[in-house]
């Protein structure tokens, strides 16, 4: 663990006294992004239990910082994407390729913990990210009128031949939610099913994870910019 992350976790635990309700506001701020993550201190289902369980508070704090960094990255930078919608009748597979456009690190000094609470075997953390001038401009673009809104559920597999780790499972489910959101959005907006769509997509707010039938599910909202739509006749 880097000294910067160690310092962040130290500061994290100096803030265990809850703050006012204002610290929990998820409003649309021009300079600060805000969101909540909940880290399970105990394993909540039988499959894919990390070796670190049960988690102590420092380990749960580290995970909270890493997860917050993942979501802030997806909100500020997002991904470029190529989406082949697929069609069963033509034996065309559905494929979504996502390329991250930037990343926030867990030790970034702009990522700050504002509130923490231990409740029901969860460490609940509210995190802020203070945007630089360039990042503010990116968020203005994501919030512009040219951007479409989309929402979807994503699923992580119930079985892995080799467990990739907790943060990778989070990413897998989130990327599947992006696929689901794009498919639903295009179904509602395009009269004829396109073969391929290209563009950019970002996370609109922190998503919500839960367990359903032994696998992780995430409910997420996205912002989407379409740059190219290719019909089947092009191919």
Protein backbone atom coordinates (compact mmCIF):
# COMPACT_ATOMS: atom_id res chain seq x y z
CA UNK A 1 0.00 0.00 0.00
CA UNK A 2 1.37 3.41 -0.95
CA UNK A 3 2.05 6.04 1.76
CA UNK A 4 -0.60 8.25 0.21
CA UNK A 5 -3.29 5.57 0.51
CA UNK A 6 -2.13 4.77 4.05
CA UNK A 7 -2.51 8.44 4.97
CA UNK A 8 -5.95 8.53 3.37
CA UNK A 9 -7.09 5.55 5.43
CA UNK A 10 -5.67 7.13 8.60
CA UNK A 11 -7.69 10.27 7.92
CA UNK A 12 -10.64 8.04 7.10
CA UNK A 13 -10.76 6.69 10.62
CA UNK A 14 -10.41 10.12 12.18
CA UNK A 15 -13.86 10.85 10.71
CA UNK A 16 -15.87 8.05 12.26
CA UNK A 17 -18.23 10.52 13.97
CA UNK A 18 -21.09 11.11 11.50
CA UNK A 19 -21.38 14.55 9.97
CA UNK A 20 -24.50 16.62 9.43
CA UNK A 21 -27.13 15.69 6.86
CA UNK A 22 -25.62 18.25 4.51
CA UNK A 23 -22.61 15.94 4.13
CA UNK A 24 -24.98 13.33 2.65
CA UNK A 25 -26.43 15.61 -0.03
CA UNK A 26 -26.09 14.06 -3.50
CA UNK A 27 -27.03 17.26 -5.34
CA UNK A 28 -25.71 18.25 -8.75
CA UNK A 29 -22.69 20.27 -7.63
CA UNK A 30 -20.48 21.95 -10.27
CA UNK A 31 -17.22 21.46 -8.33
CA UNK A 32 -17.74 18.33 -6.23
CA UNK A 33 -19.03 14.82 -6.95
CA UNK A 34 -20.45 12.81 -4.08
CA UNK A 35 -21.56 9.25 -3.47
CA UNK A 36 -21.98 6.44 -0.93
CA UNK A 37 -20.53 2.94 -0.87
CA UNK A 38 -21.30 0.10 1.54
CA UNK A 39 -18.62 -2.51 2.27
CA UNK A 40 -19.69 -5.88 3.68
CA UNK A 41 -17.69 -6.74 6.80
CA UNK A 42 -18.87 -10.37 6.72
CA UNK A 43 -19.32 -12.68 3.70
CA UNK A 44 -22.98 -12.63 2.70
CA UNK A 45 -23.15 -15.67 0.42
CA UNK A 46 -21.29 -18.92 -0.07
CA UNK A 47 -19.54 -18.36 -3.40
CA UNK A 48 -16.35 -16.40 -4.08
CA UNK A 49 -15.49 -15.49 -0.51
CA UNK A 50 -12.33 -13.41 -0.41
CA UNK A 51 -9.50 -14.63 1.76
CA UNK A 52 -9.59 -11.31 3.63
CA UNK A 53 -13.02 -12.03 5.16
CA UNK A 54 -14.11 -11.17 7.78
CA UNK A 55 -12.89 -7.65 7.09
CA UNK A 56 -11.38 -5.45 9.76
CA UNK A 57 -12.10 -1.71 9.62
CA UNK A 58 -8.78 -0.71 7.94
CA UNK A 59 -9.31 -3.30 5.18
CA UNK A 60 -12.94 -2.23 4.69
CA UNK A 61 -11.75 1.40 4.56
CA UNK A 62 -9.25 0.55 1.82
CA UNK A 63 -11.96 -1.19 -0.18
CA UNK A 64 -14.27 1.81 0.24
CA UNK A 65 -11.59 4.11 -1.19
CA UNK A 66 -10.92 1.76 -4.13
CA UNK A 67 -14.62 1.40 -4.93
CA UNK A 68 -15.19 5.16 -4.69
CA UNK A 69 -12.25 5.72 -7.05
CA UNK A 70 -13.78 3.25 -9.52
CA UNK A 71 -17.10 5.10 -9.56
CA UNK A 72 -15.59 8.59 -9.73
CA UNK A 73 -13.47 7.41 -12.66
CA UNK A 74 -16.59 6.19 -14.45
CA UNK A 75 -18.44 9.45 -13.72
CA UNK A 76 -15.68 11.88 -14.78
CA UNK A 77 -13.99 10.04 -17.64
CA UNK A 78 -16.30 7.19 -18.59
CA UNK A 79 -15.59 4.90 -21.54
CA UNK A 80 -15.59 4.99 -25.31
CA UNK A 81 -17.61 2.07 -26.61
CA UNK A 82 -18.34 -0.07 -29.63
CA UNK A 83 -21.57 -1.99 -29.27
CA UNK A 84 -22.67 -4.74 -31.65
CA UNK A 85 -26.28 -5.22 -30.63
CA UNK A 86 -26.56 -8.72 -32.05
CA UNK A 87 -29.52 -10.59 -33.45
CA UNK A 88 -30.37 -14.20 -32.73
CA UNK A 89 -32.14 -14.76 -36.06
CA UNK A 90 -28.97 -13.78 -37.97
CA UNK A 91 -26.70 -15.60 -35.50
CA UNK A 92 -24.93 -12.36 -34.59
CA UNK A 93 -23.59 -12.20 -31.05
CA UNK A 94 -24.11 -9.21 -28.77
CA UNK A 95 -20.72 -7.65 -27.97
CA UNK A 96 -19.88 -4.49 -26.02
CA UNK A 97 -16.29 -3.22 -26.01
CA UNK A 98 -15.53 -0.54 -23.41
CA UNK A 99 -12.31 1.47 -23.27
CA UNK A 100 -11.71 3.57 -20.10
CA UNK A 101 -10.81 7.18 -20.90
CA UNK A 102 -9.12 7.97 -17.59
CA UNK A 103 -8.87 6.91 -13.96
CA UNK A 104 -9.04 8.32 -10.44
CA UNK A 105 -6.66 6.59 -8.01
CA UNK A 106 -7.63 5.63 -4.45
CA UNK A 107 -4.79 7.83 -3.14
CA UNK A 108 -5.86 10.93 -5.11
CA UNK A 109 -5.86 13.91 -2.68
CA UNK A 110 -9.05 15.19 -4.33
CA UNK A 111 -10.88 12.07 -3.10
CA UNK A 112 -12.03 12.75 0.45
CA UNK A 113 -14.10 10.81 2.96
CA UNK A 114 -16.81 13.00 4.50
CA UNK A 115 -18.85 10.57 6.60
CA UNK A 116 -18.64 6.98 7.87
CA UNK A 117 -20.93 4.63 9.74
CA UNK A 118 -20.77 0.98 10.82
CA UNK A 119 -24.26 -0.53 10.71
CA UNK A 120 -25.71 -4.01 10.05
CA UNK A 121 -22.28 -5.53 9.35
CA UNK A 122 -21.55 -2.85 6.74
CA UNK A 123 -19.10 0.01 6.68
CA UNK A 124 -20.99 2.82 4.96
CA UNK A 125 -18.87 5.59 3.52
CA UNK A 126 -19.72 8.92 1.90
CA UNK A 127 -16.98 10.20 -0.39
CA UNK A 128 -16.41 13.52 -2.19
CA UNK A 129 -14.27 14.17 -5.23
CA UNK A 130 -13.18 17.78 -5.77
CA UNK A 131 -12.97 18.41 -9.51
CA UNK A 132 -10.09 20.19 -11.19
CA UNK A 133 -10.88 22.84 -13.82
CA UNK A 134 -10.37 20.32 -16.64
CA UNK A 135 -12.58 17.76 -14.87
CA UNK A 136 -15.29 20.40 -14.34
CA UNK A 137 -15.30 20.95 -18.10
CA UNK A 138 -15.66 17.20 -18.70
CA UNK A 139 -18.63 17.08 -16.33
CA UNK A 140 -20.25 20.05 -18.11
CA UNK A 141 -20.06 18.06 -21.34
CA UNK A 142 -21.54 14.96 -19.68
CA UNK A 143 -24.39 17.07 -18.31
CA UNK A 144 -25.14 18.88 -21.59
CA UNK A 145 -28.33 18.59 -23.59
CA UNK A 146 -26.64 16.43 -26.25
CA UNK A 147 -26.28 13.55 -23.80
CA UNK A 148 -28.90 10.82 -23.45
CA UNK A 149 -29.85 9.17 -20.15
CA UNK A 150 -29.97 5.39 -19.75
CA UNK A 151 -30.46 2.92 -16.93
CA UNK A 152 -29.86 -0.80 -16.60
CA UNK A 153 -29.21 -3.80 -14.38
CA UNK A 154 -25.91 -5.65 -14.65
CA UNK A 155 -24.95 -9.10 -13.44
CA UNK A 156 -21.70 -10.76 -12.48
CA UNK A 157 -21.42 -14.51 -13.18
CA UNK A 158 -22.41 -16.87 -10.39
CA UNK A 159 -19.34 -19.00 -11.15
CA UNK A 160 -15.74 -18.18 -12.06
CA UNK A 161 -13.19 -20.80 -13.03
CA UNK A 162 -10.69 -18.50 -11.29
CA UNK A 163 -12.05 -15.82 -8.97
CA UNK A 164 -10.73 -12.44 -10.23
CA UNK A 165 -11.15 -10.56 -6.95
CA UNK A 166 -13.85 -8.35 -5.47
CA UNK A 167 -13.13 -5.14 -7.43
CA UNK A 168 -13.02 -7.05 -10.74
CA UNK A 169 -16.44 -8.54 -9.96
CA UNK A 170 -17.73 -5.01 -9.33
CA UNK A 171 -16.38 -3.91 -12.72
CA UNK A 172 -17.86 -6.92 -14.55
CA UNK A 173 -21.34 -6.23 -13.18
CA UNK A 174 -21.05 -2.48 -13.89
CA UNK A 175 -19.98 -3.07 -17.51
CA UNK A 176 -22.89 -5.48 -17.96
CA UNK A 177 -25.22 -2.77 -16.63
CA UNK A 178 -23.82 -0.41 -19.30
CA UNK A 179 -24.62 -3.03 -21.96
CA UNK A 180 -28.15 -3.46 -20.62
CA UNK A 181 -28.69 0.31 -20.47
CA UNK A 182 -27.48 0.84 -24.04
CA UNK A 183 -29.67 -1.96 -25.37
CA UNK A 184 -32.79 -0.58 -23.64
CA UNK A 185 -32.07 2.99 -24.75
CA UNK A 186 -31.58 2.00 -28.40
CA UNK A 187 -34.67 -0.20 -28.38
CA UNK A 188 -36.74 2.83 -27.36
CA UNK A 189 -35.10 5.37 -29.70
CA UNK A 190 -34.28 3.52 -32.94
CA UNK A 191 -37.08 2.38 -35.27
CA UNK A 192 -34.84 -0.17 -36.98
CA UNK A 193 -32.38 -2.24 -34.99
CA UNK A 194 -28.83 -1.07 -35.89
CA UNK A 195 -25.99 -3.51 -36.22
CA UNK A 196 -23.33 -1.39 -34.47
CA UNK A 197 -23.29 1.77 -32.37
CA UNK A 198 -20.24 3.81 -31.32
CA UNK A 199 -19.92 6.58 -28.77
CA UNK A 200 -19.14 7.44 -25.18
CA UNK A 201 -20.79 6.45 -21.89
CA UNK A 202 -20.30 7.53 -18.29
CA UNK A 203 -21.79 6.69 -14.91
CA UNK A 204 -24.35 9.30 -13.79
CA UNK A 205 -24.15 8.54 -10.05
CA UNK A 206 -22.89 5.88 -7.66
CA UNK A 207 -24.63 2.57 -8.47
CA UNK A 208 -26.36 0.19 -6.04
CA UNK A 209 -25.10 -3.39 -5.63
CA UNK A 210 -27.00 -6.31 -4.12
CA UNK A 211 -27.12 -10.11 -4.18
CA UNK A 212 -29.76 -12.01 -6.16
CA UNK A 213 -29.75 -15.82 -6.52
CA UNK A 214 -26.13 -16.05 -5.44
CA UNK A 215 -24.64 -13.45 -7.78
CA UNK A 216 -23.91 -9.74 -7.66
CA UNK A 217 -26.39 -7.40 -9.34
CA UNK A 218 -25.94 -3.67 -9.87
CA UNK A 219 -28.51 -1.02 -10.70
CA UNK A 220 -26.85 1.93 -12.46
CA UNK A 221 -27.69 5.12 -14.34
CA UNK A 222 -25.58 6.31 -17.26
CA UNK A 223 -25.04 9.24 -19.59
CA UNK A 224 -24.56 8.34 -23.26
CA UNK A 225 -23.28 10.20 -26.32
CA UNK A 226 -23.84 8.41 -29.64
CA UNK A 227 -21.33 9.30 -32.36
CA UNK A 228 -22.15 6.68 -35.01
CA UNK A 229 -24.97 4.27 -35.81
CA UNK A 230 -24.38 1.62 -38.46
CA UNK A 231 -27.41 -0.20 -39.92
CA UNK A 232 -27.31 -3.79 -41.09
CA UNK A 233 -27.24 -2.67 -44.74
CA UNK A 234 -23.73 -1.21 -44.29
CA UNK A 235 -22.20 -4.68 -43.75
